[in-house]
Amino acid sequence: MTPSRDSRAFWGFDDLALFLGAVLPAWLLGMLLIRFGRAMAPGAFSNNAVRVLAFQSAIYALLVGALYMVIAFRYRRPFWQSIGWVAPERGKWWCIFGGPALAIGLSVLGVVLRTPAIPTPVESLISGRGSLLLVAFFAVVLGPVFEELLFRGFLQPLLQRPLGAWPAILLAATGFALLHGQEYQWFWQQLLVVGLAGAAFGYARYKTGSTAAAALLHGGYNLTFFVGYLIQTR
């Protein structure tokens, strides 16, 4: 298969090691920021959803900052263009409407596999309208943007250089599934479904040459599940 835009990575595995080395410092800084927020605005941070999502968002922002430093400072290259955050040359409508179709298809597969129904940590954060909006924004916008920047913008092109397209797509999707392992209590059915979704996001990144397109597909996928959750609970 032929990509529509050159997606070769100029960064290396040493840069991946640098990024992984930033994970623990980002986690510690996120904890400090939340402590500072609770001290400065105890009322706002009394809500569990605010605390958890602010902590997660802080980690995301710090890690994207680490990626930015690798690309913009170490290589002196434009960050967003290098990471593939550009308008897709083609296939944007497929990415817009593909999210719901992908979610429905993988839901059917989950039923066939007899996937255990488990409450996710995100669902446990919803306690009212305010927390519902926060969780929705995180699940549909922030989460997909960060995860696609990392897995399809940074990792997949790096793996694609020595391995080729499909091995890179599948390996990045495996890492994506493992990231969600604890969330889904490591049930293999859940990991398989998430991994297949990650492979679809990776294929979108490869064919369109756009990480933004993969994030759009990812956001529509998550939105479909979120709407299904609202319908089921209400």
Protein backbone atom coordinates (compact mmCIF):
# COMPACT_ATOMS: atom_id res chain seq x y z
CA MET A 1 0.00 0.00 0.00
CA THR A 2 1.18 3.53 -0.76
CA PRO A 3 0.86 6.45 1.66
CA SER A 4 -0.48 9.72 0.34
CA ARG A 5 2.22 11.76 2.05
CA ASP A 6 5.82 11.02 3.06
CA SER A 7 5.75 10.01 6.74
CA ARG A 8 9.35 9.00 7.31
CA ALA A 9 10.64 9.89 10.76
CA PHE A 10 13.90 11.80 11.13
CA TRP A 11 14.02 11.05 14.87
CA GLY A 12 15.51 7.88 16.27
CA PHE A 13 15.10 5.30 19.00
CA ASP A 14 17.34 7.33 21.27
CA ASP A 15 14.66 10.03 21.09
CA LEU A 16 12.07 7.42 22.08
CA ALA A 17 14.25 6.58 25.09
CA LEU A 18 14.40 10.28 25.99
CA PHE A 19 10.63 10.51 25.78
CA LEU A 20 10.12 7.42 27.96
CA GLY A 21 12.56 8.91 30.45
CA ALA A 22 10.28 11.95 30.72
CA VAL A 23 7.25 9.88 31.81
CA LEU A 24 8.15 9.63 35.51
CA PRO A 25 9.14 13.31 35.85
CA ALA A 26 5.88 14.27 34.09
CA TRP A 27 3.93 12.11 36.56
CA LEU A 28 5.68 13.75 39.53
CA LEU A 29 5.17 17.26 38.15
CA GLY A 30 1.52 16.43 37.53
CA MET A 31 1.14 15.44 41.18
CA LEU A 32 2.75 18.71 42.28
CA LEU A 33 0.49 20.74 40.01
CA ILE A 34 -2.61 19.06 41.45
CA ARG A 35 -1.41 19.71 45.00
CA PHE A 36 -0.86 23.35 44.07
CA GLY A 37 -4.30 23.53 42.47
CA ARG A 38 -5.98 22.04 45.54
CA ALA A 39 -4.21 24.57 47.73
CA MET A 40 -5.14 27.54 45.53
CA ALA A 41 -8.69 26.47 44.59
CA PRO A 42 -9.91 23.87 47.08
CA GLY A 43 -13.52 24.26 46.01
CA ALA A 44 -12.91 23.43 42.37
CA PHE A 45 -10.57 20.54 43.17
CA SER A 46 -12.96 18.98 45.67
CA ASN A 47 -14.61 17.24 42.70
CA ASN A 48 -13.00 13.88 41.97
CA ALA A 49 -13.47 14.24 38.19
CA VAL A 50 -11.69 17.61 38.23
CA ARG A 51 -8.75 16.18 40.18
CA VAL A 52 -8.32 13.05 38.06
CA LEU A 53 -8.78 14.73 34.68
CA ALA A 54 -6.64 17.73 35.61
CA PHE A 55 -3.87 15.35 36.66
CA GLN A 56 -4.16 13.36 33.44
CA SER A 57 -4.29 16.51 31.34
CA ALA A 58 -1.20 17.87 33.07
CA ILE A 59 0.71 14.67 32.25
CA TYR A 60 -0.46 14.84 28.64
CA ALA A 61 0.65 18.47 28.32
CA LEU A 62 4.05 17.76 29.85
CA LEU A 63 4.68 14.77 27.60
CA VAL A 64 3.62 16.67 24.48
CA GLY A 65 6.08 19.31 25.67
CA ALA A 66 8.77 16.62 25.81
CA LEU A 67 7.95 15.61 22.22
CA TYR A 68 8.08 19.26 21.20
CA MET A 69 11.53 19.69 22.72
CA VAL A 70 12.84 16.61 20.88
CA ILE A 71 11.60 17.78 17.48
CA ALA A 72 11.68 21.57 17.68
CA PHE A 73 14.81 22.03 19.80
CA ARG A 74 16.95 19.00 19.10
CA TYR A 75 16.28 18.85 15.36
CA ARG A 76 15.04 22.41 14.83
CA ARG A 77 12.15 21.22 12.70
CA PRO A 78 8.51 22.41 12.76
CA PHE A 79 6.74 20.30 15.38
CA TRP A 80 3.18 20.02 14.09
CA GLN A 81 4.14 19.40 10.48
CA SER A 82 6.81 16.87 11.46
CA ILE A 83 4.43 14.93 13.68
CA GLY A 84 1.85 14.81 10.89
CA TRP A 85 -0.68 17.22 12.41
CA VAL A 86 -1.78 18.48 9.01
CA ALA A 87 -5.02 18.46 7.02
CA PRO A 88 -5.46 15.10 5.27
CA GLU A 89 -5.00 15.17 1.52
CA ARG A 90 -7.82 12.68 1.13
CA GLY A 91 -10.06 10.44 3.19
CA LYS A 92 -11.23 13.08 5.66
CA TRP A 93 -14.88 12.13 5.21
CA TRP A 94 -13.99 8.50 5.82
CA CYS A 95 -12.33 9.56 9.08
CA ILE A 96 -15.36 11.60 10.11
CA PHE A 97 -17.95 8.90 9.47
CA GLY A 98 -15.67 5.95 10.10
CA GLY A 99 -15.52 6.44 13.88
CA PRO A 100 -19.14 5.39 14.57
CA ALA A 101 -18.91 2.54 12.05
CA LEU A 102 -15.71 1.28 13.64
CA ALA A 103 -17.20 1.50 17.15
CA ILE A 104 -20.32 -0.43 16.12
CA GLY A 105 -18.32 -3.09 14.28
CA LEU A 106 -15.92 -3.66 17.18
CA SER A 107 -18.85 -3.71 19.62
CA VAL A 108 -20.33 -6.59 17.62
CA LEU A 109 -16.96 -8.34 17.73
CA GLY A 110 -16.87 -7.80 21.49
CA VAL A 111 -20.25 -9.52 21.82
CA VAL A 112 -19.03 -12.45 19.70
CA LEU A 113 -15.93 -12.75 21.89
CA ARG A 114 -18.10 -12.58 25.04
CA THR A 115 -16.13 -9.62 26.32
CA PRO A 116 -16.73 -9.09 30.07
CA ALA A 117 -18.77 -5.98 30.81
CA ILE A 118 -16.75 -3.91 33.26
CA PRO A 119 -17.14 -0.31 34.45
CA THR A 120 -14.26 1.83 33.28
CA PRO A 121 -12.51 4.40 35.52
CA VAL A 122 -13.87 7.16 33.26
CA GLU A 123 -17.47 6.11 33.92
CA SER A 124 -16.86 6.18 37.67
CA LEU A 125 -15.94 9.87 37.44
CA ILE A 126 -19.39 10.93 36.23
CA SER A 127 -21.43 12.24 39.13
CA GLY A 128 -23.35 15.15 37.60
CA ARG A 129 -23.68 17.40 34.55
CA GLY A 130 -20.40 19.23 35.17
CA SER A 131 -18.35 16.05 35.51
CA LEU A 132 -20.19 14.60 32.50
CA LEU A 133 -19.05 17.49 30.30
CA LEU A 134 -15.49 17.24 31.61
CA VAL A 135 -15.32 13.50 30.96
CA ALA A 136 -16.83 13.94 27.49
CA PHE A 137 -14.28 16.60 26.55
CA PHE A 138 -11.43 14.48 27.82
CA ALA A 139 -12.63 11.27 26.15
CA VAL A 140 -13.53 12.79 22.79
CA VAL A 141 -10.93 15.55 22.40
CA LEU A 142 -7.94 15.55 24.76
CA GLY A 143 -7.40 11.80 24.98
CA PRO A 144 -7.52 11.13 21.22
CA VAL A 145 -5.30 14.13 20.42
CA PHE A 146 -2.57 13.10 22.86
CA GLU A 147 -2.71 9.38 22.09
CA GLU A 148 -2.58 9.94 18.35
CA LEU A 149 0.31 12.39 18.65
CA LEU A 150 2.23 9.78 20.61
CA PHE A 151 1.33 6.50 18.91
CA ARG A 152 0.55 7.51 15.32
CA GLY A 153 2.46 10.78 15.09
CA PHE A 154 5.70 9.82 16.85
CA LEU A 155 5.95 6.05 17.38
CA GLN A 156 4.43 4.63 14.19
CA PRO A 157 6.64 6.58 11.73
CA LEU A 158 9.68 5.65 13.83
CA LEU A 159 8.84 1.93 13.64
CA GLN A 160 7.88 2.21 9.98
CA ARG A 161 11.37 3.26 8.96
CA PRO A 162 13.07 -0.10 9.73
CA LEU A 163 10.04 -2.42 9.70
CA GLY A 164 7.64 -1.21 7.04
CA ALA A 165 4.06 -0.02 7.21
CA TRP A 166 2.02 -2.95 8.53
CA PRO A 167 4.45 -4.07 11.27
CA ALA A 168 4.66 -0.44 12.44
CA ILE A 169 0.86 -0.08 12.46
CA LEU A 170 0.41 -3.31 14.43
CA LEU A 171 3.22 -2.65 16.91
CA ALA A 172 1.97 0.88 17.62
CA ALA A 173 -1.54 -0.54 18.04
CA THR A 174 -0.18 -3.12 20.50
CA GLY A 175 1.40 -0.38 22.59
CA PHE A 176 -1.86 1.55 22.41
CA ALA A 177 -3.79 -1.49 23.69
CA LEU A 178 -1.32 -2.10 26.52
CA LEU A 179 -1.65 1.54 27.61
CA HIS A 180 -5.34 0.79 28.27
CA GLY A 181 -4.70 -2.60 29.85
CA GLN A 182 -5.25 -1.61 33.47
CA GLU A 183 -8.35 0.35 32.50
CA TYR A 184 -9.91 -2.83 31.11
CA GLN A 185 -8.54 -5.14 33.83
CA TRP A 186 -6.30 -6.89 31.28
CA PHE A 187 -9.11 -8.94 29.74
CA TRP A 188 -7.73 -10.21 26.46
CA GLN A 189 -11.00 -9.57 24.64
CA GLN A 190 -10.91 -5.90 25.59
CA LEU A 191 -7.24 -5.60 24.64
CA LEU A 192 -7.92 -7.20 21.26
CA VAL A 193 -10.76 -4.80 20.52
CA VAL A 194 -8.71 -1.77 21.58
CA GLY A 195 -5.74 -3.04 19.58
CA LEU A 196 -7.88 -3.41 16.45
CA ALA A 197 -9.18 0.12 16.94
CA GLY A 198 -5.56 1.29 17.24
CA ALA A 199 -4.70 -0.51 14.01
CA ALA A 200 -7.58 1.31 12.28
CA PHE A 201 -6.29 4.64 13.59
CA GLY A 202 -2.80 3.71 12.38
CA TYR A 203 -4.09 2.79 8.94
CA ALA A 204 -5.86 6.15 8.73
CA ARG A 205 -2.59 7.88 9.65
CA TYR A 206 -0.73 5.94 6.98
CA LYS A 207 -3.19 6.37 4.14
CA THR A 208 -3.96 10.04 4.73
CA GLY A 209 -0.50 11.11 5.91
CA SER A 210 -2.25 12.96 8.72
CA THR A 211 -2.14 12.35 12.46
CA ALA A 212 -5.04 14.79 12.74
CA ALA A 213 -7.12 12.43 10.59
CA ALA A 214 -6.33 9.56 12.94
CA ALA A 215 -7.33 11.73 15.91
CA LEU A 216 -10.59 12.60 14.14
CA LEU A 217 -11.36 8.90 13.64
CA HIS A 218 -10.38 8.20 17.24
CA GLY A 219 -12.56 11.00 18.58
CA GLY A 220 -15.59 9.78 16.61
CA TYR A 221 -14.97 6.26 17.88
CA ASN A 222 -14.88 7.41 21.50
CA LEU A 223 -17.87 9.71 21.01
CA THR A 224 -19.96 6.78 19.75
CA PHE A 225 -19.21 4.74 22.85
CA PHE A 226 -19.88 7.75 25.07
CA VAL A 227 -23.28 8.35 23.46
CA GLY A 228 -24.05 4.64 23.85
CA TYR A 229 -23.16 4.88 27.52
CA LEU A 230 -25.51 7.84 27.99
CA ILE A 231 -28.36 6.05 26.23
CA GLN A 232 -27.82 2.94 28.31
CA THR A 233 -27.69 4.74 31.65
CA ARG A 234 -30.52 7.19 30.98
